[in-house]
Amino acid sequence: MTTVADSPRLDAPSWRGVPITIGGSAYIWIIIGASLDILFTGIILAKGGQEANPIANAVLITFGFTGMVAFKYMTVLLILVGCEFVSRHSARKGRRLAITLIVIHFAPVFWSTYLLSAYV
């Protein structure tokens, strides 16, 4: 029978046992911002607009909308891993980075909202 004393500790040195440093709420906001960006990009593309990000636009032309969605979520994954890496060395810098990334991910959402409300 396993007891609480036998269960693995959350502060174990292995990667799987280490808790998230910054906290899930910052990461969730980054993912929400990226998801809204993809949603609004799809709406703008359906109405005849273009992807403003030149790299994402090249991926869109080459691999289609599904490829662009995969590309954007892969960049989010890399961003979250980088954020975790920074926060393990300095929690304060990690928190600042997460807040900056939230602002960066919501900027295209606000811009897309403006474009859709002004021109559609």
C-alpha atoms as a PDB file:
ATOM      1  CA  MET A   1       0.000   0.000   0.000  1.00  0.00           C
ATOM      2  CA  THR A   2       1.325   3.435  -0.931  1.00  0.00           C
ATOM      3  CA  THR A   3       1.326   6.157   1.682  1.00  0.00           C
ATOM      4  CA  VAL A   4       1.721   9.893   1.338  1.00  0.00           C
ATOM      5  CA  ALA A   5       5.320   9.571   2.461  1.00  0.00           C
ATOM      6  CA  ASP A   6       6.019   7.150  -0.435  1.00  0.00           C
ATOM      7  CA  SER A   7       4.504   9.384  -3.140  1.00  0.00           C
ATOM      8  CA  PRO A   8       6.864  11.502  -5.267  1.00  0.00           C
ATOM      9  CA  ARG A   9       7.484  15.052  -4.127  1.00  0.00           C
ATOM     10  CA  LEU A  10       6.512  18.010  -6.315  1.00  0.00           C
ATOM     11  CA  ASP A  11       9.934  19.584  -5.861  1.00  0.00           C
ATOM     12  CA  ALA A  12      11.758  16.515  -7.161  1.00  0.00           C
ATOM     13  CA  PRO A  13      14.784  17.269  -9.346  1.00  0.00           C
ATOM     14  CA  SER A  14      13.440  15.527 -12.457  1.00  0.00           C
ATOM     15  CA  TRP A  15      11.790  17.685 -15.149  1.00  0.00           C
ATOM     16  CA  ARG A  16       8.407  15.951 -14.792  1.00  0.00           C
ATOM     17  CA  GLY A  17       8.313  16.514 -11.060  1.00  0.00           C
ATOM     18  CA  VAL A  18       9.124  20.229 -11.159  1.00  0.00           C
ATOM     19  CA  PRO A  19       6.038  22.424 -10.820  1.00  0.00           C
ATOM     20  CA  ILE A  20       5.329  25.213 -13.286  1.00  0.00           C
ATOM     21  CA  THR A  21       7.300  28.218 -12.134  1.00  0.00           C
ATOM     22  CA  ILE A  22       5.238  31.227 -13.202  1.00  0.00           C
ATOM     23  CA  GLY A  23       1.825  29.730 -12.852  1.00  0.00           C
ATOM     24  CA  GLY A  24      -0.699  28.447 -15.308  1.00  0.00           C
ATOM     25  CA  SER A  25      -2.800  31.615 -15.465  1.00  0.00           C
ATOM     26  CA  ALA A  26      -0.176  33.576 -17.426  1.00  0.00           C
ATOM     27  CA  TYR A  27       0.231  30.696 -19.851  1.00  0.00           C
ATOM     28  CA  ILE A  28      -3.515  30.377 -20.308  1.00  0.00           C
ATOM     29  CA  TRP A  29      -3.750  34.077 -21.236  1.00  0.00           C
ATOM     30  CA  ILE A  30      -0.965  33.611 -23.794  1.00  0.00           C
ATOM     31  CA  ILE A  31      -2.831  30.651 -25.305  1.00  0.00           C
ATOM     32  CA  ILE A  32      -6.122  32.581 -25.296  1.00  0.00           C
ATOM     33  CA  GLY A  33      -4.443  35.504 -27.065  1.00  0.00           C
ATOM     34  CA  ALA A  34      -2.942  33.198 -29.695  1.00  0.00           C
ATOM     35  CA  SER A  35      -6.273  31.430 -30.190  1.00  0.00           C
ATOM     36  CA  LEU A  36      -8.143  34.694 -30.641  1.00  0.00           C
ATOM     37  CA  ASP A  37      -5.478  35.835 -33.095  1.00  0.00           C
ATOM     38  CA  ILE A  38      -6.055  32.672 -35.137  1.00  0.00           C
ATOM     39  CA  LEU A  39      -9.832  33.104 -34.944  1.00  0.00           C
ATOM     40  CA  PHE A  40      -9.739  36.716 -36.119  1.00  0.00           C
ATOM     41  CA  THR A  41      -7.169  35.882 -38.794  1.00  0.00           C
ATOM     42  CA  GLY A  42      -9.548  33.256 -40.152  1.00  0.00           C
ATOM     43  CA  ILE A  43     -12.424  35.742 -40.207  1.00  0.00           C
ATOM     44  CA  ILE A  44     -10.307  38.393 -41.933  1.00  0.00           C
ATOM     45  CA  LEU A  45      -9.043  35.872 -44.502  1.00  0.00           C
ATOM     46  CA  ALA A  46     -12.619  34.737 -45.188  1.00  0.00           C
ATOM     47  CA  LYS A  47     -13.598  38.351 -45.855  1.00  0.00           C
ATOM     48  CA  GLY A  48     -10.762  38.819 -48.370  1.00  0.00           C
ATOM     49  CA  GLY A  49      -8.081  40.198 -46.058  1.00  0.00           C
ATOM     50  CA  GLN A  50      -4.461  39.095 -45.705  1.00  0.00           C
ATOM     51  CA  GLU A  51      -2.247  37.773 -42.945  1.00  0.00           C
ATOM     52  CA  ALA A  52      -0.112  40.691 -41.725  1.00  0.00           C
ATOM     53  CA  ASN A  53       2.716  38.542 -40.320  1.00  0.00           C
ATOM     54  CA  PRO A  54       5.023  37.823 -43.289  1.00  0.00           C
ATOM     55  CA  ILE A  55       6.310  34.520 -41.880  1.00  0.00           C
ATOM     56  CA  ALA A  56       2.809  33.274 -41.046  1.00  0.00           C
ATOM     57  CA  ASN A  57       1.676  34.464 -44.482  1.00  0.00           C
ATOM     58  CA  ALA A  58       4.417  32.391 -46.156  1.00  0.00           C
ATOM     59  CA  VAL A  59       3.318  29.372 -44.106  1.00  0.00           C
ATOM     60  CA  LEU A  60      -0.302  30.097 -45.078  1.00  0.00           C
ATOM     61  CA  ILE A  61       0.572  30.208 -48.780  1.00  0.00           C
ATOM     62  CA  THR A  62       2.665  27.037 -48.579  1.00  0.00           C
ATOM     63  CA  PHE A  63       0.647  24.864 -46.174  1.00  0.00           C
ATOM     64  CA  GLY A  64      -2.811  26.441 -46.060  1.00  0.00           C
ATOM     65  CA  PHE A  65      -4.804  27.601 -43.062  1.00  0.00           C
ATOM     66  CA  THR A  66      -4.270  24.372 -41.120  1.00  0.00           C
ATOM     67  CA  GLY A  67      -0.516  24.720 -41.537  1.00  0.00           C
ATOM     68  CA  MET A  68      -0.653  28.311 -40.324  1.00  0.00           C
ATOM     69  CA  VAL A  69      -2.630  27.265 -37.238  1.00  0.00           C
ATOM     70  CA  ALA A  70      -0.047  24.557 -36.503  1.00  0.00           C
ATOM     71  CA  PHE A  71       2.762  27.078 -37.038  1.00  0.00           C
ATOM     72  CA  LYS A  72       1.205  29.607 -34.648  1.00  0.00           C
ATOM     73  CA  TYR A  73       0.629  27.015 -31.925  1.00  0.00           C
ATOM     74  CA  MET A  74       4.170  25.658 -32.353  1.00  0.00           C
ATOM     75  CA  THR A  75       5.502  29.168 -31.785  1.00  0.00           C
ATOM     76  CA  VAL A  76       3.313  29.424 -28.674  1.00  0.00           C
ATOM     77  CA  LEU A  77       4.767  26.132 -27.439  1.00  0.00           C
ATOM     78  CA  LEU A  78       8.318  27.412 -27.992  1.00  0.00           C
ATOM     79  CA  ILE A  79       7.432  30.667 -26.244  1.00  0.00           C
ATOM     80  CA  LEU A  80       6.027  28.830 -23.212  1.00  0.00           C
ATOM     81  CA  VAL A  81       9.092  26.589 -22.965  1.00  0.00           C
ATOM     82  CA  GLY A  82      11.336  29.655 -23.194  1.00  0.00           C
ATOM     83  CA  CYS A  83       9.276  31.427 -20.567  1.00  0.00           C
ATOM     84  CA  GLU A  84       9.625  28.440 -18.239  1.00  0.00           C
ATOM     85  CA  PHE A  85      13.377  28.356 -18.858  1.00  0.00           C
ATOM     86  CA  VAL A  86      13.759  32.056 -18.012  1.00  0.00           C
ATOM     87  CA  SER A  87      11.530  31.806 -14.945  1.00  0.00           C
ATOM     88  CA  ARG A  88      13.561  28.910 -13.520  1.00  0.00           C
ATOM     89  CA  HIS A  89      16.585  31.189 -13.443  1.00  0.00           C
ATOM     90  CA  SER A  90      14.746  34.307 -12.301  1.00  0.00           C
ATOM     91  CA  ALA A  91      11.088  34.251 -11.288  1.00  0.00           C
ATOM     92  CA  ARG A  92      10.856  38.030 -11.591  1.00  0.00           C
ATOM     93  CA  LYS A  93      12.194  38.048 -15.165  1.00  0.00           C
ATOM     94  CA  GLY A  94       9.925  35.135 -16.026  1.00  0.00           C
ATOM     95  CA  ARG A  95       6.877  37.012 -14.755  1.00  0.00           C
ATOM     96  CA  ARG A  96       7.861  40.132 -16.711  1.00  0.00           C
ATOM     97  CA  LEU A  97       8.403  38.053 -19.826  1.00  0.00           C
ATOM     98  CA  ALA A  98       5.000  36.368 -19.425  1.00  0.00           C
ATOM     99  CA  ILE A  99       3.246  39.735 -19.056  1.00  0.00           C
ATOM    100  CA  THR A 100       5.085  41.077 -22.110  1.00  0.00           C
ATOM    101  CA  LEU A 101       4.070  38.003 -24.105  1.00  0.00           C
ATOM    102  CA  ILE A 102       0.438  38.417 -23.073  1.00  0.00           C
ATOM    103  CA  VAL A 103       0.492  42.009 -24.354  1.00  0.00           C
ATOM    104  CA  ILE A 104       2.206  40.910 -27.578  1.00  0.00           C
ATOM    105  CA  HIS A 105      -0.364  38.165 -28.178  1.00  0.00           C
ATOM    106  CA  PHE A 106      -3.331  40.439 -27.567  1.00  0.00           C
ATOM    107  CA  ALA A 107      -2.074  43.320 -29.763  1.00  0.00           C
ATOM    108  CA  PRO A 108      -3.122  41.601 -33.034  1.00  0.00           C
ATOM    109  CA  VAL A 109      -6.462  40.702 -31.447  1.00  0.00           C
ATOM    110  CA  PHE A 110      -7.196  44.351 -30.689  1.00  0.00           C
ATOM    111  CA  TRP A 111      -5.992  45.395 -34.153  1.00  0.00           C
ATOM    112  CA  SER A 112      -8.140  42.727 -35.838  1.00  0.00           C
ATOM    113  CA  THR A 113     -11.155  43.800 -33.782  1.00  0.00           C
ATOM    114  CA  TYR A 114     -10.613  47.365 -34.952  1.00  0.00           C
ATOM    115  CA  LEU A 115     -10.255  46.297 -38.587  1.00  0.00           C
ATOM    116  CA  LEU A 116     -13.369  44.148 -38.469  1.00  0.00           C
ATOM    117  CA  SER A 117     -15.441  46.856 -36.811  1.00  0.00           C
ATOM    118  CA  ALA A 118     -14.194  49.661 -39.068  1.00  0.00           C
ATOM    119  CA  TYR A 119     -14.162  47.968 -42.461  1.00  0.00           C
ATOM    120  CA  VAL A 120     -16.761  45.221 -42.377  1.00  0.00           C
END
